[in-house]
């Protein structure tokens, strides 16, 4: 849908006129031991899998990873946010080509 996955955020993840990627790739479970929501049971492949990644604008990436907000944004909540965002796109009947244009 070319939007940050954070609920209600209209910030585009791709600038349609230049194809510049504006989003940040966020790890739901951190990639490093000292990162937010790190899961020691994950292997490297799982950490970098699409299932563990979510696209957000820079502002919301900072918010979900801030130490003071970790209780509000545990991994389970981020998985739910991601699933809801993906469902909205599917329900809208968008094709992958349409997902690269502003909606």
N, C-alpha and C. Protein backbone atom coordinates (compact mmCIF):
# COMPACT_ATOMS: atom_id res chain seq x y z
N UNK A 1 0.82 -1.19 0.00
CA UNK A 1 0.00 0.00 0.00
C UNK A 1 0.86 1.25 0.00
N UNK A 2 2.15 1.05 -0.09
CA UNK A 2 3.12 2.15 -0.09
C UNK A 2 2.92 3.08 1.10
N UNK A 3 2.77 2.46 2.27
CA UNK A 3 2.65 3.23 3.51
C UNK A 3 3.43 2.53 4.60
N UNK A 4 3.90 3.31 5.53
CA UNK A 4 4.50 2.79 6.76
C UNK A 4 3.50 1.82 7.37
N UNK A 5 3.98 0.71 7.92
CA UNK A 5 3.10 -0.30 8.50
C UNK A 5 2.50 0.11 9.84
N UNK A 6 3.01 1.18 10.44
CA UNK A 6 2.47 1.61 11.73
C UNK A 6 1.03 2.06 11.54
N UNK A 7 0.12 1.59 12.39
CA UNK A 7 -1.30 1.91 12.20
C UNK A 7 -1.57 3.42 12.08
N UNK A 8 -2.26 3.77 11.01
CA UNK A 8 -2.66 5.15 10.79
C UNK A 8 -1.61 6.05 10.17
N UNK A 9 -0.40 5.55 9.97
CA UNK A 9 0.65 6.40 9.41
C UNK A 9 0.54 6.42 7.88
N UNK A 10 0.43 7.61 7.30
CA UNK A 10 0.31 7.71 5.84
C UNK A 10 1.65 7.88 5.12
N UNK A 11 2.75 7.86 5.86
CA UNK A 11 4.07 8.12 5.25
C UNK A 11 4.39 7.05 4.20
N UNK A 12 4.70 7.46 2.98
CA UNK A 12 5.03 6.48 1.93
C UNK A 12 6.36 5.78 2.21
N UNK A 13 6.46 4.54 1.72
CA UNK A 13 7.72 3.81 1.87
C UNK A 13 8.58 3.93 0.61
N UNK A 14 7.96 4.39 -0.47
CA UNK A 14 8.66 4.57 -1.74
C UNK A 14 8.15 5.85 -2.38
N UNK A 15 9.07 6.73 -2.78
CA UNK A 15 8.67 7.94 -3.47
C UNK A 15 8.31 7.56 -4.91
N UNK A 16 7.05 7.72 -5.30
CA UNK A 16 6.63 7.26 -6.63
C UNK A 16 7.28 8.00 -7.79
N UNK A 17 7.70 9.24 -7.58
CA UNK A 17 8.27 9.98 -8.70
C UNK A 17 9.75 9.67 -8.94
N UNK A 18 10.45 9.23 -7.89
CA UNK A 18 11.88 8.95 -8.04
C UNK A 18 12.25 7.50 -7.75
N UNK A 19 11.30 6.73 -7.23
CA UNK A 19 11.52 5.34 -6.79
C UNK A 19 12.54 5.25 -5.66
N UNK A 20 12.72 6.33 -4.94
CA UNK A 20 13.62 6.33 -3.78
C UNK A 20 12.94 5.64 -2.62
N UNK A 21 13.64 4.71 -2.00
CA UNK A 21 13.10 4.02 -0.84
C UNK A 21 13.20 4.94 0.37
N UNK A 22 12.08 5.21 0.98
CA UNK A 22 12.01 6.11 2.12
C UNK A 22 11.88 5.35 3.44
N UNK A 23 11.43 4.12 3.37
CA UNK A 23 11.19 3.33 4.57
C UNK A 23 12.48 2.78 5.16
N UNK A 24 12.35 2.36 6.40
CA UNK A 24 13.44 1.64 7.07
C UNK A 24 12.98 0.21 7.29
N UNK A 25 13.91 -0.71 7.13
CA UNK A 25 13.62 -2.11 7.39
C UNK A 25 13.82 -2.34 8.88
N UNK A 26 12.75 -2.71 9.56
CA UNK A 26 12.80 -2.90 11.01
C UNK A 26 12.79 -4.39 11.33
N UNK A 27 13.66 -4.80 12.22
CA UNK A 27 13.65 -6.17 12.72
C UNK A 27 12.65 -6.23 13.88
N UNK A 28 11.75 -7.17 13.83
CA UNK A 28 10.81 -7.34 14.94
C UNK A 28 11.59 -7.89 16.14
N UNK A 29 12.30 -8.99 15.93
CA UNK A 29 13.28 -9.47 16.91
C UNK A 29 14.62 -8.93 16.43
N UNK A 30 15.32 -8.21 17.30
CA UNK A 30 16.56 -7.55 16.92
C UNK A 30 17.58 -8.50 16.30
N UNK A 31 18.43 -7.94 15.47
CA UNK A 31 19.49 -8.73 14.85
C UNK A 31 20.71 -8.89 15.76
N UNK A 32 20.84 -8.02 16.75
CA UNK A 32 21.99 -8.14 17.66
C UNK A 32 21.50 -8.36 19.09
N UNK A 33 22.35 -8.98 19.89
CA UNK A 33 22.00 -9.33 21.26
C UNK A 33 21.56 -8.14 22.10
N UNK A 34 22.11 -6.99 21.84
CA UNK A 34 21.78 -5.81 22.63
C UNK A 34 20.59 -5.03 22.07
N UNK A 35 20.03 -5.51 20.97
CA UNK A 35 18.93 -4.81 20.33
C UNK A 35 17.58 -5.10 20.96
N UNK A 36 16.59 -4.30 20.62
CA UNK A 36 15.26 -4.47 21.18
C UNK A 36 14.60 -5.77 20.72
N UNK A 37 13.98 -6.45 21.64
CA UNK A 37 13.23 -7.68 21.40
C UNK A 37 14.09 -8.81 20.86
N UNK A 38 15.38 -8.82 21.19
CA UNK A 38 16.28 -9.88 20.73
C UNK A 38 15.77 -11.23 21.20
N UNK A 39 15.80 -12.20 20.32
CA UNK A 39 15.36 -13.56 20.63
C UNK A 39 16.54 -14.50 20.45
N UNK A 40 17.15 -14.97 21.55
CA UNK A 40 18.32 -15.84 21.42
C UNK A 40 18.02 -17.19 20.79
N UNK A 41 16.74 -17.54 20.68
CA UNK A 41 16.37 -18.82 20.07
C UNK A 41 16.33 -18.76 18.55
N UNK A 42 16.40 -17.56 17.98
CA UNK A 42 16.42 -17.42 16.53
C UNK A 42 17.83 -17.65 16.00
N UNK A 43 17.90 -18.24 14.81
CA UNK A 43 19.19 -18.30 14.14
C UNK A 43 19.29 -17.11 13.18
N UNK A 44 20.43 -16.94 12.55
CA UNK A 44 20.66 -15.79 11.67
C UNK A 44 19.66 -15.75 10.52
N UNK A 45 19.35 -16.89 9.95
CA UNK A 45 18.40 -16.94 8.84
C UNK A 45 17.01 -16.47 9.29
N UNK A 46 16.58 -16.88 10.46
CA UNK A 46 15.29 -16.45 10.98
C UNK A 46 15.28 -14.95 11.28
N UNK A 47 16.38 -14.45 11.81
CA UNK A 47 16.48 -13.02 12.14
C UNK A 47 16.31 -12.12 10.92
N UNK A 48 16.80 -12.60 9.79
CA UNK A 48 16.77 -11.78 8.57
C UNK A 48 15.67 -12.22 7.59
N UNK A 49 14.79 -13.10 8.03
CA UNK A 49 13.71 -13.57 7.16
C UNK A 49 12.63 -12.49 7.02
N UNK A 50 11.86 -12.58 5.96
CA UNK A 50 10.78 -11.62 5.74
C UNK A 50 9.77 -11.64 6.89
N UNK A 51 9.59 -12.79 7.51
CA UNK A 51 8.65 -12.91 8.62
C UNK A 51 9.05 -12.03 9.80
N UNK A 52 10.34 -11.74 9.94
CA UNK A 52 10.84 -10.97 11.07
C UNK A 52 11.09 -9.50 10.72
N UNK A 53 10.71 -9.10 9.52
CA UNK A 53 10.96 -7.73 9.07
C UNK A 53 9.66 -7.00 8.80
N UNK A 54 9.68 -5.70 9.06
CA UNK A 54 8.52 -4.85 8.82
C UNK A 54 9.03 -3.50 8.32
N UNK A 55 8.34 -2.90 7.36
CA UNK A 55 8.75 -1.60 6.82
C UNK A 55 8.00 -0.49 7.53
N UNK A 56 8.76 0.45 8.05
CA UNK A 56 8.17 1.60 8.74
C UNK A 56 8.94 2.86 8.36
N UNK A 57 8.30 3.97 8.59
CA UNK A 57 8.99 5.24 8.41
C UNK A 57 10.02 5.40 9.53
N UNK A 58 10.92 6.32 9.35
CA UNK A 58 11.99 6.55 10.33
C UNK A 58 11.44 6.90 11.71
N UNK A 59 10.39 7.70 11.76
CA UNK A 59 9.81 8.13 13.04
C UNK A 59 9.28 6.92 13.81
N UNK A 60 8.49 6.09 13.15
CA UNK A 60 7.91 4.95 13.86
C UNK A 60 8.94 3.87 14.18
N UNK A 61 9.96 3.74 13.36
CA UNK A 61 11.05 2.81 13.68
C UNK A 61 11.70 3.23 15.00
N UNK A 62 11.97 4.52 15.14
CA UNK A 62 12.56 5.03 16.39
C UNK A 62 11.62 4.79 17.57
N UNK A 63 10.34 5.03 17.37
CA UNK A 63 9.37 4.87 18.46
C UNK A 63 9.31 3.43 18.94
N UNK A 64 9.19 2.48 18.02
CA UNK A 64 9.04 1.08 18.46
C UNK A 64 10.30 0.52 19.09
N UNK A 65 11.46 1.07 18.73
CA UNK A 65 12.73 0.57 19.27
C UNK A 65 13.25 1.33 20.48
N UNK A 66 12.60 2.43 20.84
CA UNK A 66 13.05 3.21 22.00
C UNK A 66 12.86 2.39 23.28
N UNK A 67 13.86 2.41 24.14
CA UNK A 67 13.83 1.64 25.38
C UNK A 67 12.56 1.92 26.18
N UNK A 68 12.17 3.17 26.24
CA UNK A 68 10.99 3.53 27.04
C UNK A 68 9.68 3.03 26.44
N UNK A 69 9.72 2.55 25.19
CA UNK A 69 8.50 2.07 24.53
C UNK A 69 8.46 0.56 24.33
N UNK A 70 9.48 -0.16 24.75
CA UNK A 70 9.54 -1.60 24.47
C UNK A 70 8.38 -2.38 25.09
N UNK A 71 7.90 -1.96 26.24
CA UNK A 71 6.77 -2.66 26.86
C UNK A 71 5.50 -2.48 26.02
N UNK A 72 5.39 -1.34 25.36
CA UNK A 72 4.22 -1.07 24.53
C UNK A 72 4.31 -1.76 23.16
N UNK A 73 5.55 -2.02 22.71
CA UNK A 73 5.75 -2.65 21.40
C UNK A 73 6.58 -3.93 21.50
N UNK A 74 6.04 -4.95 22.19
CA UNK A 74 6.73 -6.24 22.23
C UNK A 74 6.62 -6.90 20.84
N UNK A 75 7.38 -7.95 20.64
CA UNK A 75 7.40 -8.63 19.34
C UNK A 75 6.00 -9.04 18.90
N UNK A 76 5.21 -9.59 19.79
CA UNK A 76 3.88 -10.06 19.41
C UNK A 76 3.03 -8.92 18.84
N UNK A 77 3.12 -7.75 19.43
CA UNK A 77 2.34 -6.62 18.92
C UNK A 77 2.82 -6.21 17.53
N UNK A 78 4.13 -6.26 17.31
CA UNK A 78 4.65 -5.90 15.98
C UNK A 78 4.25 -6.93 14.93
N UNK A 79 4.22 -8.21 15.32
CA UNK A 79 3.74 -9.24 14.38
C UNK A 79 2.28 -8.98 14.03
N UNK A 80 1.49 -8.55 15.02
CA UNK A 80 0.08 -8.24 14.77
C UNK A 80 -0.07 -7.02 13.87
N UNK A 81 0.74 -5.99 14.10
CA UNK A 81 0.71 -4.80 13.26
C UNK A 81 1.05 -5.16 11.81
N UNK A 82 2.08 -5.97 11.65
CA UNK A 82 2.50 -6.40 10.31
C UNK A 82 1.39 -7.20 9.63
N UNK A 83 0.81 -8.16 10.35
CA UNK A 83 -0.25 -8.99 9.77
C UNK A 83 -1.45 -8.15 9.36
N UNK A 84 -1.81 -7.19 10.18
CA UNK A 84 -2.95 -6.31 9.86
C UNK A 84 -2.65 -5.47 8.62
N UNK A 85 -1.46 -4.93 8.55
CA UNK A 85 -1.06 -4.11 7.39
C UNK A 85 -1.11 -4.94 6.11
N UNK A 86 -0.58 -6.15 6.17
CA UNK A 86 -0.59 -7.03 4.99
C UNK A 86 -2.01 -7.44 4.61
N UNK A 87 -2.87 -7.65 5.60
CA UNK A 87 -4.26 -8.00 5.34
C UNK A 87 -4.98 -6.84 4.64
N UNK A 88 -4.72 -5.62 5.07
CA UNK A 88 -5.33 -4.45 4.42
C UNK A 88 -4.97 -4.42 2.93
N UNK A 89 -3.73 -4.71 2.62
CA UNK A 89 -3.29 -4.71 1.22
C UNK A 89 -3.98 -5.83 0.43
N UNK A 90 -4.04 -7.02 1.03
CA UNK A 90 -4.72 -8.14 0.34
C UNK A 90 -6.20 -7.83 0.14
N UNK A 91 -6.85 -7.32 1.19
CA UNK A 91 -8.28 -7.02 1.10
C UNK A 91 -8.59 -5.94 0.07
N UNK A 92 -7.63 -5.06 -0.15
CA UNK A 92 -7.80 -4.00 -1.16
C UNK A 92 -7.62 -4.56 -2.57
N UNK A 93 -7.18 -5.82 -2.66
CA UNK A 93 -7.00 -6.45 -3.96
C UNK A 93 -5.84 -5.89 -4.75
N UNK A 94 -4.86 -5.33 -4.06
CA UNK A 94 -3.73 -4.71 -4.75
C UNK A 94 -2.77 -5.76 -5.29
N UNK A 95 -2.25 -5.51 -6.47
CA UNK A 95 -1.23 -6.37 -7.05
C UNK A 95 0.13 -5.84 -6.62
N UNK A 96 1.19 -6.63 -6.73
CA UNK A 96 2.52 -6.13 -6.36
C UNK A 96 2.90 -4.85 -7.10
N UNK A 97 2.52 -4.71 -8.39
CA UNK A 97 2.83 -3.50 -9.13
C UNK A 97 2.10 -2.30 -8.54
N UNK A 98 0.87 -2.49 -8.12
CA UNK A 98 0.11 -1.40 -7.53
C UNK A 98 0.66 -1.00 -6.18
N UNK A 99 1.31 -1.91 -5.50
CA UNK A 99 1.84 -1.61 -4.18
C UNK A 99 3.03 -0.66 -4.25
N UNK A 100 3.59 -0.44 -5.43
CA UNK A 100 4.71 0.48 -5.54
C UNK A 100 4.24 1.91 -5.81
N UNK A 101 2.95 2.10 -5.97
CA UNK A 101 2.41 3.44 -6.21
C UNK A 101 1.71 3.93 -4.96
N UNK A 102 1.68 5.23 -4.75
CA UNK A 102 0.98 5.80 -3.60
C UNK A 102 -0.49 5.43 -3.64
N UNK A 103 -1.00 5.05 -2.50
CA UNK A 103 -2.41 4.68 -2.39
C UNK A 103 -3.14 5.71 -1.58
